[in-house]
Amino acid sequence: MDTHTYRAHLHWDGSTADGIRGYSRDHSAVAPPATARVDLSADPAFRGDSERLNPEQLVVMAASSCQMLSCPSSAPPPAPG
């Protein structure tokens, strides 16, 4: 069986000097070898920016993408026509 390795790099420029209620939840991520940067934040319920994706949305997106990609492989071939 092949081994699959995945990497992610996160970047945050914030400071916790103002305490838990005051720091920015905004950050960015890349997942090499892809070069696209994703701007992220916390869910608005946790003082995040609603204009940015949050980790909970990424989990739902990842699960949805895996399901979508696996379904075509298990579908029966089209009927001859």
C-alpha atoms as a PDB file:
ATOM      1  CA  MET A   1       0.000   0.000   0.000  1.00  0.00           C
ATOM      2  CA  ASP A   2       1.256   3.488  -0.844  1.00  0.00           C
ATOM      3  CA  THR A   3       1.908   5.988   1.897  1.00  0.00           C
ATOM      4  CA  HIS A   4       0.321   9.407   1.496  1.00  0.00           C
ATOM      5  CA  THR A   5       1.778  12.431   3.206  1.00  0.00           C
ATOM      6  CA  TYR A   6       0.049  15.797   3.411  1.00  0.00           C
ATOM      7  CA  ARG A   7       1.501  19.091   4.622  1.00  0.00           C
ATOM      8  CA  ALA A   8       0.010  22.410   5.596  1.00  0.00           C
ATOM      9  CA  HIS A   9       1.676  25.680   6.513  1.00  0.00           C
ATOM     10  CA  LEU A  10      -0.214  28.221   8.618  1.00  0.00           C
ATOM     11  CA  HIS A  11       0.690  31.882   9.036  1.00  0.00           C
ATOM     12  CA  TRP A  12      -0.631  34.207  11.750  1.00  0.00           C
ATOM     13  CA  ASP A  13       0.524  37.782  12.439  1.00  0.00           C
ATOM     14  CA  GLY A  14      -1.508  38.310  15.577  1.00  0.00           C
ATOM     15  CA  SER A  15      -0.695  38.921  19.198  1.00  0.00           C
ATOM     16  CA  THR A  16      -2.302  37.638  22.382  1.00  0.00           C
ATOM     17  CA  ALA A  17      -1.186  40.730  24.323  1.00  0.00           C
ATOM     18  CA  ASP A  18      -4.794  41.967  24.570  1.00  0.00           C
ATOM     19  CA  GLY A  19      -6.043  38.652  25.941  1.00  0.00           C
ATOM     20  CA  ILE A  20      -8.369  36.008  24.571  1.00  0.00           C
ATOM     21  CA  ARG A  21     -11.068  38.462  23.502  1.00  0.00           C
ATOM     22  CA  GLY A  22      -8.753  40.849  21.697  1.00  0.00           C
ATOM     23  CA  TYR A  23      -6.534  38.872  19.349  1.00  0.00           C
ATOM     24  CA  SER A  24      -7.175  38.480  15.631  1.00  0.00           C
ATOM     25  CA  ARG A  25      -8.401  35.080  14.510  1.00  0.00           C
ATOM     26  CA  ASP A  26      -7.383  35.819  10.910  1.00  0.00           C
ATOM     27  CA  HIS A  27      -4.662  33.627   9.457  1.00  0.00           C
ATOM     28  CA  SER A  28      -3.718  32.006   6.149  1.00  0.00           C
ATOM     29  CA  ALA A  29      -2.703  28.547   5.004  1.00  0.00           C
ATOM     30  CA  VAL A  30      -1.075  26.783   2.073  1.00  0.00           C
ATOM     31  CA  ALA A  31      -0.863  23.045   1.466  1.00  0.00           C
ATOM     32  CA  PRO A  32       2.158  22.227  -0.717  1.00  0.00           C
ATOM     33  CA  PRO A  33       2.619  21.316  -3.463  1.00  0.00           C
ATOM     34  CA  ALA A  34      -0.412  23.520  -4.217  1.00  0.00           C
ATOM     35  CA  THR A  35       0.491  27.207  -4.164  1.00  0.00           C
ATOM     36  CA  ALA A  36      -2.948  28.719  -3.537  1.00  0.00           C
ATOM     37  CA  ARG A  37      -3.207  30.601  -0.258  1.00  0.00           C
ATOM     38  CA  VAL A  38      -6.433  30.307   1.742  1.00  0.00           C
ATOM     39  CA  ASP A  39      -7.413  33.158   4.047  1.00  0.00           C
ATOM     40  CA  LEU A  40      -8.984  31.745   7.199  1.00  0.00           C
ATOM     41  CA  SER A  41     -10.530  32.860  10.466  1.00  0.00           C
ATOM     42  CA  ALA A  42     -12.544  31.412  13.311  1.00  0.00           C
ATOM     43  CA  ASP A  43     -16.292  30.929  13.079  1.00  0.00           C
ATOM     44  CA  PRO A  44     -18.062  34.234  13.809  1.00  0.00           C
ATOM     45  CA  ALA A  45     -19.420  32.637  16.999  1.00  0.00           C
ATOM     46  CA  PHE A  46     -15.793  32.556  18.191  1.00  0.00           C
ATOM     47  CA  ARG A  47     -14.969  36.155  17.180  1.00  0.00           C
ATOM     48  CA  GLY A  48     -13.927  35.269  13.641  1.00  0.00           C
ATOM     49  CA  ASP A  49     -14.417  37.035  10.321  1.00  0.00           C
ATOM     50  CA  SER A  50     -17.498  35.752   8.480  1.00  0.00           C
ATOM     51  CA  GLU A  51     -15.923  36.748   5.137  1.00  0.00           C
ATOM     52  CA  ARG A  52     -13.196  34.106   5.577  1.00  0.00           C
ATOM     53  CA  LEU A  53     -13.516  30.338   5.635  1.00  0.00           C
ATOM     54  CA  ASN A  54     -13.268  28.743   9.073  1.00  0.00           C
ATOM     55  CA  PRO A  55     -11.934  25.320  10.144  1.00  0.00           C
ATOM     56  CA  GLU A  56     -15.430  23.880  10.600  1.00  0.00           C
ATOM     57  CA  GLN A  57     -16.335  24.797   7.014  1.00  0.00           C
ATOM     58  CA  LEU A  58     -13.096  23.218   5.775  1.00  0.00           C
ATOM     59  CA  VAL A  59     -13.937  19.930   7.515  1.00  0.00           C
ATOM     60  CA  VAL A  60     -17.395  19.860   5.895  1.00  0.00           C
ATOM     61  CA  MET A  61     -15.885  20.772   2.512  1.00  0.00           C
ATOM     62  CA  ALA A  62     -13.227  18.042   2.795  1.00  0.00           C
ATOM     63  CA  ALA A  63     -15.765  15.355   3.737  1.00  0.00           C
ATOM     64  CA  SER A  64     -18.111  16.466   0.950  1.00  0.00           C
ATOM     65  CA  SER A  65     -15.304  16.456  -1.605  1.00  0.00           C
ATOM     66  CA  CYS A  66     -14.166  12.951  -0.569  1.00  0.00           C
ATOM     67  CA  GLN A  67     -17.715  11.641  -0.855  1.00  0.00           C
ATOM     68  CA  MET A  68     -18.245  13.296  -4.230  1.00  0.00           C
ATOM     69  CA  LEU A  69     -14.976  11.912  -5.588  1.00  0.00           C
ATOM     70  CA  SER A  70     -15.666   8.367  -4.361  1.00  0.00           C
ATOM     71  CA  CYS A  71     -19.231   8.111  -5.678  1.00  0.00           C
ATOM     72  CA  PRO A  72     -18.408   8.116  -9.416  1.00  0.00           C
ATOM     73  CA  SER A  73     -15.985   5.225  -8.911  1.00  0.00           C
ATOM     74  CA  SER A  74     -18.709   3.050  -7.391  1.00  0.00           C
ATOM     75  CA  ALA A  75     -21.450   3.941  -9.867  1.00  0.00           C
ATOM     76  CA  PRO A  76     -22.404   1.336 -12.457  1.00  0.00           C
ATOM     77  CA  PRO A  77     -21.289   2.003 -16.010  1.00  0.00           C
ATOM     78  CA  PRO A  78     -23.828   3.709 -18.274  1.00  0.00           C
ATOM     79  CA  ALA A  79     -26.210   1.418 -20.137  1.00  0.00           C
ATOM     80  CA  PRO A  80     -25.389   0.889 -23.797  1.00  0.00           C
ATOM     81  CA  GLY A  81     -27.574   3.024 -25.850  1.00  0.00           C
END
